[in-house]
């Protein structure tokens, strides 16, 4: 093998590794512990954890349903850090309580937003409410009186 081919091969390998690294960093959720707000008394564990996660890209630009949005959130809420002895990756639970399928489809494009604020924004634009329970983040449909529907129905 001549020297030129060796240099080209090493350069291609290096460029591929750099591009792969940049793409991975662009689409991963990074726990930003330096920005983590102090816990508020009464905050649930799910809200406290969601405050520490930043979603870099929110690509909801084709009229997504609440179920599609929650599937995306599930993927974005996975981390590679060990939390209180939980096995890696730690995951948040999401529940959609929309028995009558009343949630609106919506478009939403954001960058670098905390997961808790993203959940609140999704609930706002889809016509639902969000609550951060001890074991899950719950999106619930609004009833006619403006209150959240119970997870098992109105």
N, C-alpha and C. Protein backbone atom coordinates (compact mmCIF):
# COMPACT_ATOMS: atom_id res chain seq x y z
N UNK A 1 0.86 -1.17 0.00
CA UNK A 1 0.00 0.00 0.00
C UNK A 1 0.90 1.23 0.00
N UNK A 2 0.58 2.14 -0.85
CA UNK A 2 1.44 3.32 -0.89
C UNK A 2 1.02 4.34 0.18
N UNK A 3 1.86 5.28 0.37
CA UNK A 3 1.68 6.27 1.43
C UNK A 3 0.43 7.12 1.23
N UNK A 4 0.13 7.48 -0.01
CA UNK A 4 -1.03 8.31 -0.30
C UNK A 4 -2.33 7.59 0.08
N UNK A 5 -2.44 6.33 -0.24
CA UNK A 5 -3.64 5.56 0.10
C UNK A 5 -3.79 5.44 1.61
N UNK A 6 -2.71 5.28 2.32
CA UNK A 6 -2.74 5.20 3.77
C UNK A 6 -3.22 6.51 4.38
N UNK A 7 -2.73 7.64 3.88
CA UNK A 7 -3.15 8.95 4.37
C UNK A 7 -4.63 9.19 4.08
N UNK A 8 -5.09 8.81 2.90
CA UNK A 8 -6.50 8.98 2.54
C UNK A 8 -7.37 8.11 3.44
N UNK A 9 -6.96 6.90 3.70
CA UNK A 9 -7.72 6.01 4.57
C UNK A 9 -7.83 6.53 5.99
N UNK A 10 -6.74 7.00 6.53
CA UNK A 10 -6.75 7.54 7.90
C UNK A 10 -7.59 8.81 7.97
N UNK A 11 -7.48 9.66 6.97
CA UNK A 11 -8.27 10.89 6.92
C UNK A 11 -9.76 10.57 6.85
N UNK A 12 -10.15 9.62 6.01
CA UNK A 12 -11.56 9.23 5.88
C UNK A 12 -12.08 8.68 7.21
N UNK A 13 -11.29 7.87 7.87
CA UNK A 13 -11.69 7.33 9.17
C UNK A 13 -11.88 8.44 10.19
N UNK A 14 -10.97 9.39 10.24
CA UNK A 14 -11.06 10.51 11.18
C UNK A 14 -12.28 11.38 10.88
N UNK A 15 -12.49 11.72 9.61
CA UNK A 15 -13.64 12.56 9.23
C UNK A 15 -14.94 11.85 9.57
N UNK A 16 -15.03 10.56 9.31
CA UNK A 16 -16.23 9.79 9.64
C UNK A 16 -16.50 9.79 11.13
N UNK A 17 -15.44 9.63 11.92
CA UNK A 17 -15.61 9.63 13.38
C UNK A 17 -16.09 10.98 13.88
N UNK A 18 -15.53 12.06 13.34
CA UNK A 18 -15.93 13.41 13.76
C UNK A 18 -17.38 13.69 13.37
N UNK A 19 -17.77 13.34 12.16
CA UNK A 19 -19.15 13.57 11.72
C UNK A 19 -20.11 12.74 12.56
N UNK A 20 -19.77 11.49 12.82
CA UNK A 20 -20.62 10.65 13.67
C UNK A 20 -20.78 11.22 15.06
N UNK A 21 -19.68 11.72 15.62
CA UNK A 21 -19.74 12.32 16.96
C UNK A 21 -20.64 13.56 16.96
N UNK A 22 -20.50 14.41 15.96
CA UNK A 22 -21.31 15.63 15.88
C UNK A 22 -22.79 15.31 15.71
N UNK A 23 -23.12 14.32 14.89
CA UNK A 23 -24.52 13.94 14.71
C UNK A 23 -25.10 13.37 16.00
N UNK A 24 -24.32 12.56 16.68
CA UNK A 24 -24.78 11.99 17.95
C UNK A 24 -25.04 13.09 18.97
N UNK A 25 -24.13 14.04 19.09
CA UNK A 25 -24.30 15.13 20.06
C UNK A 25 -25.50 16.01 19.70
N UNK A 26 -25.80 16.15 18.42
CA UNK A 26 -26.89 17.03 18.00
C UNK A 26 -28.25 16.47 18.40
N UNK A 27 -28.39 15.14 18.48
CA UNK A 27 -29.69 14.54 18.71
C UNK A 27 -29.85 13.88 20.07
N UNK A 28 -28.87 13.94 20.94
CA UNK A 28 -28.98 13.34 22.26
C UNK A 28 -29.49 14.33 23.29
N UNK A 29 -30.15 13.81 24.28
CA UNK A 29 -30.55 14.62 25.43
C UNK A 29 -29.36 14.63 26.37
N UNK A 30 -28.94 15.79 26.78
CA UNK A 30 -27.79 15.92 27.66
C UNK A 30 -28.26 16.38 29.03
N UNK A 31 -28.04 15.58 30.07
CA UNK A 31 -28.40 16.07 31.39
C UNK A 31 -27.49 17.23 31.76
N UNK A 32 -28.04 18.39 31.93
CA UNK A 32 -27.25 19.58 32.20
C UNK A 32 -27.34 19.88 33.68
N UNK A 33 -26.55 19.18 34.44
CA UNK A 33 -26.59 19.31 35.89
C UNK A 33 -26.14 20.69 36.37
N UNK A 34 -25.34 21.39 35.60
CA UNK A 34 -24.88 22.72 36.02
C UNK A 34 -26.05 23.71 36.05
N UNK A 35 -27.04 23.52 35.15
CA UNK A 35 -28.18 24.42 35.08
C UNK A 35 -29.33 23.99 35.96
N UNK A 36 -29.21 22.84 36.59
CA UNK A 36 -30.31 22.28 37.34
C UNK A 36 -30.77 23.24 38.43
N UNK A 37 -32.05 23.56 38.38
CA UNK A 37 -32.60 24.44 39.40
C UNK A 37 -32.63 23.70 40.72
N UNK A 38 -32.58 24.43 41.80
CA UNK A 38 -32.71 23.80 43.11
C UNK A 38 -34.09 23.18 43.23
N UNK A 39 -34.17 22.01 43.84
CA UNK A 39 -35.48 21.36 43.97
C UNK A 39 -36.45 22.24 44.73
N UNK A 40 -37.65 22.30 44.24
CA UNK A 40 -38.70 23.06 44.89
C UNK A 40 -39.42 22.10 45.83
N UNK A 41 -39.64 22.49 47.08
CA UNK A 41 -40.36 21.60 47.99
C UNK A 41 -41.72 21.24 47.37
N UNK A 42 -42.02 19.95 47.35
CA UNK A 42 -43.27 19.49 46.76
C UNK A 42 -43.12 19.04 45.32
N UNK A 43 -41.98 19.28 44.69
CA UNK A 43 -41.75 18.78 43.33
C UNK A 43 -41.71 17.26 43.36
N UNK A 44 -42.33 16.65 42.36
CA UNK A 44 -42.27 15.19 42.26
C UNK A 44 -40.91 14.78 41.71
N UNK A 45 -40.53 13.53 41.90
CA UNK A 45 -39.25 13.07 41.35
C UNK A 45 -39.19 13.18 39.82
N UNK A 46 -40.34 12.99 39.17
CA UNK A 46 -40.33 13.09 37.71
C UNK A 46 -40.09 14.52 37.25
N UNK A 47 -40.69 15.49 37.93
CA UNK A 47 -40.45 16.89 37.54
C UNK A 47 -39.00 17.28 37.82
N UNK A 48 -38.49 16.86 38.97
CA UNK A 48 -37.10 17.19 39.30
C UNK A 48 -36.14 16.60 38.27
N UNK A 49 -36.39 15.38 37.84
CA UNK A 49 -35.52 14.76 36.83
C UNK A 49 -35.69 15.44 35.48
N UNK A 50 -36.94 15.75 35.10
CA UNK A 50 -37.21 16.38 33.81
C UNK A 50 -36.58 17.77 33.73
N UNK A 51 -36.46 18.46 34.87
CA UNK A 51 -35.82 19.78 34.86
C UNK A 51 -34.35 19.68 34.49
N UNK A 52 -33.75 18.54 34.74
CA UNK A 52 -32.33 18.37 34.45
C UNK A 52 -32.02 17.89 33.05
N UNK A 53 -33.04 17.65 32.23
CA UNK A 53 -32.81 17.18 30.86
C UNK A 53 -33.15 18.27 29.87
N UNK A 54 -32.30 18.44 28.88
CA UNK A 54 -32.54 19.40 27.81
C UNK A 54 -32.71 18.65 26.50
N UNK A 55 -33.81 18.91 25.82
CA UNK A 55 -34.05 18.32 24.50
C UNK A 55 -33.52 19.32 23.48
N UNK A 56 -32.59 18.86 22.68
CA UNK A 56 -31.93 19.77 21.73
C UNK A 56 -32.81 20.15 20.55
N UNK A 57 -33.56 19.19 19.99
CA UNK A 57 -34.38 19.47 18.80
C UNK A 57 -35.77 18.91 19.01
N UNK A 58 -36.80 19.73 18.74
CA UNK A 58 -38.20 19.30 18.79
C UNK A 58 -38.76 19.49 17.38
N UNK A 59 -38.85 18.39 16.59
CA UNK A 59 -39.21 18.52 15.18
C UNK A 59 -40.68 18.20 14.87
N UNK A 60 -41.61 18.77 15.59
CA UNK A 60 -43.03 18.48 15.35
C UNK A 60 -43.57 19.50 14.35
N UNK A 61 -43.32 19.28 13.07
CA UNK A 61 -43.75 20.26 12.08
C UNK A 61 -44.73 19.70 11.05
N UNK A 62 -45.28 18.51 11.33
CA UNK A 62 -46.21 17.93 10.36
C UNK A 62 -47.53 17.52 11.01
N UNK A 63 -48.00 18.26 11.95
CA UNK A 63 -49.28 17.97 12.59
C UNK A 63 -49.27 16.65 13.34
N UNK A 64 -48.49 16.56 14.39
CA UNK A 64 -48.37 15.31 15.13
C UNK A 64 -49.48 15.16 16.17
N UNK A 65 -49.78 13.92 16.51
CA UNK A 65 -50.76 13.65 17.56
C UNK A 65 -50.05 13.62 18.90
N UNK A 66 -50.83 13.62 19.97
CA UNK A 66 -50.24 13.57 21.30
C UNK A 66 -49.49 12.25 21.51
N UNK A 67 -50.00 11.17 20.93
CA UNK A 67 -49.33 9.87 21.07
C UNK A 67 -47.95 9.89 20.39
N UNK A 68 -47.87 10.50 19.20
CA UNK A 68 -46.58 10.59 18.50
C UNK A 68 -45.61 11.46 19.29
N UNK A 69 -46.10 12.54 19.86
CA UNK A 69 -45.25 13.43 20.66
C UNK A 69 -44.73 12.71 21.90
N UNK A 70 -45.58 11.95 22.56
CA UNK A 70 -45.16 11.23 23.76
C UNK A 70 -44.16 10.13 23.41
N UNK A 71 -44.33 9.47 22.27
CA UNK A 71 -43.34 8.48 21.82
C UNK A 71 -41.97 9.15 21.64
N UNK A 72 -41.97 10.34 21.07
CA UNK A 72 -40.72 11.08 20.89
C UNK A 72 -40.12 11.44 22.25
N UNK A 73 -40.96 11.89 23.18
CA UNK A 73 -40.48 12.24 24.52
C UNK A 73 -39.89 11.03 25.23
N UNK A 74 -40.50 9.86 25.07
CA UNK A 74 -39.95 8.65 25.69
C UNK A 74 -38.53 8.39 25.21
N UNK A 75 -38.33 8.55 23.92
CA UNK A 75 -36.99 8.34 23.37
C UNK A 75 -36.00 9.38 23.84
N UNK A 76 -36.44 10.61 23.99
CA UNK A 76 -35.56 11.69 24.39
C UNK A 76 -35.26 11.68 25.89
N UNK A 77 -36.11 11.03 26.68
CA UNK A 77 -35.95 11.04 28.13
C UNK A 77 -35.01 9.95 28.63
N UNK A 78 -34.46 9.14 27.73
CA UNK A 78 -33.52 8.11 28.15
C UNK A 78 -32.15 8.75 28.36
N UNK A 79 -31.49 8.32 29.39
CA UNK A 79 -30.14 8.84 29.64
C UNK A 79 -29.20 7.69 29.89
N UNK A 80 -27.94 7.96 29.83
CA UNK A 80 -26.94 6.96 30.10
C UNK A 80 -26.33 7.10 31.48
N UNK A 81 -26.94 7.88 32.35
CA UNK A 81 -26.38 8.10 33.68
C UNK A 81 -27.10 7.21 34.68
N UNK A 82 -26.40 6.82 35.73
CA UNK A 82 -27.01 6.00 36.77
C UNK A 82 -27.66 6.93 37.78
N UNK A 83 -28.92 6.69 38.07
CA UNK A 83 -29.68 7.53 38.99
C UNK A 83 -30.11 6.68 40.17
N UNK A 84 -29.64 7.01 41.35
CA UNK A 84 -30.05 6.35 42.60
C UNK A 84 -30.08 4.83 42.48
N UNK A 85 -29.06 4.25 41.88
CA UNK A 85 -28.97 2.80 41.80
C UNK A 85 -29.82 2.18 40.70
N UNK A 86 -30.59 3.00 39.96
CA UNK A 86 -31.37 2.46 38.85
C UNK A 86 -30.42 2.03 37.75
N UNK A 87 -30.73 0.95 37.04
CA UNK A 87 -29.84 0.53 35.96
C UNK A 87 -29.87 1.53 34.81
N UNK A 88 -28.74 1.61 34.09
CA UNK A 88 -28.69 2.49 32.93
C UNK A 88 -29.50 1.83 31.82
N UNK A 89 -30.14 2.51 30.92
CA UNK A 89 -30.45 3.94 31.00
C UNK A 89 -31.69 4.18 31.86
N UNK A 90 -31.71 5.29 32.57
CA UNK A 90 -32.86 5.69 33.37
C UNK A 90 -33.92 6.22 32.41
N UNK A 91 -35.16 5.86 32.63
CA UNK A 91 -36.24 6.31 31.75
C UNK A 91 -37.37 6.90 32.57
N UNK A 92 -38.01 7.89 32.01
CA UNK A 92 -39.22 8.44 32.62
C UNK A 92 -40.44 7.73 32.04
N UNK A 93 -41.47 7.59 32.82
CA UNK A 93 -42.73 7.00 32.35
C UNK A 93 -43.65 8.12 31.89
N UNK A 94 -44.33 7.89 30.78
CA UNK A 94 -45.30 8.84 30.25
C UNK A 94 -46.63 8.13 30.09
N UNK A 95 -47.72 8.81 30.44
CA UNK A 95 -49.07 8.27 30.32
C UNK A 95 -49.92 9.29 29.58
N UNK A 96 -50.75 8.81 28.63
CA UNK A 96 -51.70 9.67 27.94
C UNK A 96 -53.10 9.21 28.33
N UNK A 97 -53.85 10.07 28.99
CA UNK A 97 -55.23 9.78 29.39
C UNK A 97 -56.15 10.64 28.54
N UNK A 98 -56.47 10.13 27.37
CA UNK A 98 -57.31 10.85 26.42
C UNK A 98 -58.36 9.88 25.87
N UNK A 99 -59.34 9.49 26.71
CA UNK A 99 -60.27 8.44 26.31
C UNK A 99 -61.13 8.79 25.10
N UNK A 100 -61.38 10.05 24.88
CA UNK A 100 -62.24 10.46 23.76
C UNK A 100 -61.44 10.98 22.57
N UNK A 101 -60.14 10.84 22.62
CA UNK A 101 -59.24 11.33 21.56
C UNK A 101 -59.53 12.79 21.21
N UNK A 102 -59.59 13.60 22.25
CA UNK A 102 -59.92 15.02 22.09
C UNK A 102 -58.69 15.89 21.82
N UNK A 103 -57.50 15.36 22.00
CA UNK A 103 -56.29 16.16 21.83
C UNK A 103 -56.15 16.59 20.37
N UNK A 104 -55.75 17.84 20.19
CA UNK A 104 -55.55 18.39 18.86
C UNK A 104 -54.20 17.96 18.31
N UNK A 105 -54.13 17.81 16.98
CA UNK A 105 -52.83 17.64 16.33
C UNK A 105 -52.18 19.02 16.32
N UNK A 106 -50.86 19.05 16.35
CA UNK A 106 -50.19 20.33 16.48
C UNK A 106 -48.84 20.32 15.80
N UNK A 107 -48.33 21.51 15.55
CA UNK A 107 -46.98 21.74 15.04
C UNK A 107 -46.20 22.46 16.13
N UNK A 108 -44.94 22.05 16.31
CA UNK A 108 -44.12 22.68 17.34
C UNK A 108 -42.66 22.44 16.98
N UNK A 109 -41.92 23.51 16.76
CA UNK A 109 -40.49 23.38 16.47
C UNK A 109 -39.73 24.23 17.47
N UNK A 110 -38.94 23.56 18.31
CA UNK A 110 -38.16 24.24 19.34
C UNK A 110 -36.76 23.67 19.38
N UNK A 111 -35.87 24.39 20.03
CA UNK A 111 -34.50 23.92 20.24
C UNK A 111 -34.09 24.21 21.67
N UNK A 112 -33.31 23.30 22.22
CA UNK A 112 -32.70 23.47 23.55
C UNK A 112 -33.71 23.90 24.61
N UNK A 113 -34.66 23.02 24.89
CA UNK A 113 -35.69 23.31 25.87
C UNK A 113 -35.67 22.22 26.94
N UNK A 114 -35.86 22.63 28.19
CA UNK A 114 -35.92 21.65 29.27
C UNK A 114 -37.13 20.74 29.08
N UNK A 115 -36.99 19.49 29.45
CA UNK A 115 -38.05 18.51 29.24
C UNK A 115 -39.34 18.88 29.97
N UNK A 116 -39.26 19.41 31.18
CA UNK A 116 -40.48 19.77 31.90
C UNK A 116 -41.23 20.90 31.17
N UNK A 117 -40.49 21.87 30.67
CA UNK A 117 -41.13 22.98 29.93
C UNK A 117 -41.70 22.50 28.60
N UNK A 118 -41.00 21.55 27.96
CA UNK A 118 -41.50 20.99 26.70
C UNK A 118 -42.82 20.26 26.94
N UNK A 119 -42.92 19.50 28.02
CA UNK A 119 -44.17 18.81 28.34
C UNK A 119 -45.30 19.81 28.55
N UNK A 120 -45.01 20.88 29.26
CA UNK A 120 -46.03 21.91 29.49
C UNK A 120 -46.47 22.56 28.17
N UNK A 121 -45.51 22.83 27.29
CA UNK A 121 -45.83 23.44 25.99
C UNK A 121 -46.67 22.49 25.13
N UNK A 122 -46.32 21.20 25.12
CA UNK A 122 -47.09 20.22 24.34
C UNK A 122 -48.52 20.14 24.87
N UNK A 123 -48.68 20.12 26.19
CA UNK A 123 -50.03 20.09 26.76
C UNK A 123 -50.82 21.33 26.36
N UNK A 124 -50.17 22.47 26.36
CA UNK A 124 -50.83 23.72 26.00
C UNK A 124 -51.32 23.70 24.55
N UNK A 125 -50.46 23.33 23.62
CA UNK A 125 -50.84 23.39 22.20
C UNK A 125 -51.77 22.26 21.79
N UNK A 126 -51.80 21.16 22.56
CA UNK A 126 -52.68 20.04 22.20
C UNK A 126 -54.03 20.11 22.92
N UNK A 127 -54.21 21.10 23.81
CA UNK A 127 -55.47 21.25 24.52
C UNK A 127 -55.61 20.25 25.66
N UNK A 128 -54.50 19.90 26.28
CA UNK A 128 -54.52 18.95 27.38
C UNK A 128 -53.87 19.57 28.61
N UNK A 129 -53.81 18.80 29.70
CA UNK A 129 -53.06 19.22 30.87
C UNK A 129 -51.93 18.22 31.08
N UNK A 130 -50.92 18.63 31.82
CA UNK A 130 -49.83 17.71 32.16
C UNK A 130 -49.62 17.80 33.66
N UNK A 131 -49.39 16.64 34.26
CA UNK A 131 -49.05 16.60 35.68
C UNK A 131 -47.84 15.71 35.86
N UNK A 132 -47.02 16.08 36.82
CA UNK A 132 -45.80 15.33 37.10
C UNK A 132 -46.03 14.54 38.38
N UNK A 133 -46.55 13.33 38.22
CA UNK A 133 -46.81 12.46 39.37
C UNK A 133 -45.50 11.87 39.87
N UNK A 134 -45.56 11.14 40.98
CA UNK A 134 -44.35 10.56 41.54
C UNK A 134 -43.70 9.53 40.62
N UNK A 135 -44.52 8.82 39.82
CA UNK A 135 -43.97 7.76 38.99
C UNK A 135 -44.14 7.95 37.50
N UNK A 136 -44.80 9.03 37.07
CA UNK A 136 -45.02 9.22 35.63
C UNK A 136 -45.38 10.68 35.34
N UNK A 137 -45.17 11.05 34.09
CA UNK A 137 -45.65 12.33 33.56
C UNK A 137 -46.94 12.01 32.84
N UNK A 138 -48.05 12.63 33.26
CA UNK A 138 -49.37 12.27 32.76
C UNK A 138 -49.95 13.42 31.94
N UNK A 139 -50.29 13.13 30.69
CA UNK A 139 -51.01 14.06 29.84
C UNK A 139 -52.48 13.65 29.90
N UNK A 140 -53.36 14.55 30.30
CA UNK A 140 -54.78 14.22 30.44
C UNK A 140 -55.62 15.21 29.64
N UNK A 141 -56.70 14.68 29.05
CA UNK A 141 -57.62 15.52 28.30
C UNK A 141 -58.40 16.41 29.24
N UNK A 142 -58.75 17.58 28.77
CA UNK A 142 -59.60 18.49 29.56
C UNK A 142 -61.05 18.07 29.40
N UNK A 143 -61.80 18.11 30.48
CA UNK A 143 -63.22 17.85 30.39
C UNK A 143 -63.92 19.15 30.00
N UNK A 144 -65.21 19.10 29.82
CA UNK A 144 -65.95 20.29 29.42
C UNK A 144 -65.87 21.40 30.47
N UNK A 145 -65.67 21.01 31.74
CA UNK A 145 -65.58 22.02 32.79
C UNK A 145 -64.17 22.62 32.90
N UNK A 146 -63.23 22.12 32.06
CA UNK A 146 -61.88 22.67 32.07
C UNK A 146 -60.94 21.95 33.02
N UNK A 147 -61.43 20.88 33.67
CA UNK A 147 -60.57 20.11 34.56
C UNK A 147 -59.98 18.93 33.80
N UNK A 148 -58.92 18.38 34.35
CA UNK A 148 -58.29 17.22 33.72
C UNK A 148 -59.16 16.00 33.93
N UNK A 149 -59.23 15.17 32.88
CA UNK A 149 -59.97 13.92 32.99
C UNK A 149 -59.18 12.94 33.84
N UNK A 150 -59.89 12.05 34.50
CA UNK A 150 -59.21 11.02 35.29
C UNK A 150 -58.53 10.06 34.33
N UNK A 151 -57.39 9.46 34.73
CA UNK A 151 -56.67 8.56 33.84
C UNK A 151 -57.51 7.39 33.33
N UNK A 152 -58.56 6.97 34.06
CA UNK A 152 -59.38 5.85 33.62
C UNK A 152 -60.62 6.30 32.88
N UNK A 153 -60.71 7.56 32.55
CA UNK A 153 -61.87 8.07 31.81
C UNK A 153 -62.46 9.29 32.47
N UNK A 154 -63.43 9.97 31.81
CA UNK A 154 -64.02 11.18 32.39
C UNK A 154 -64.96 10.90 33.53
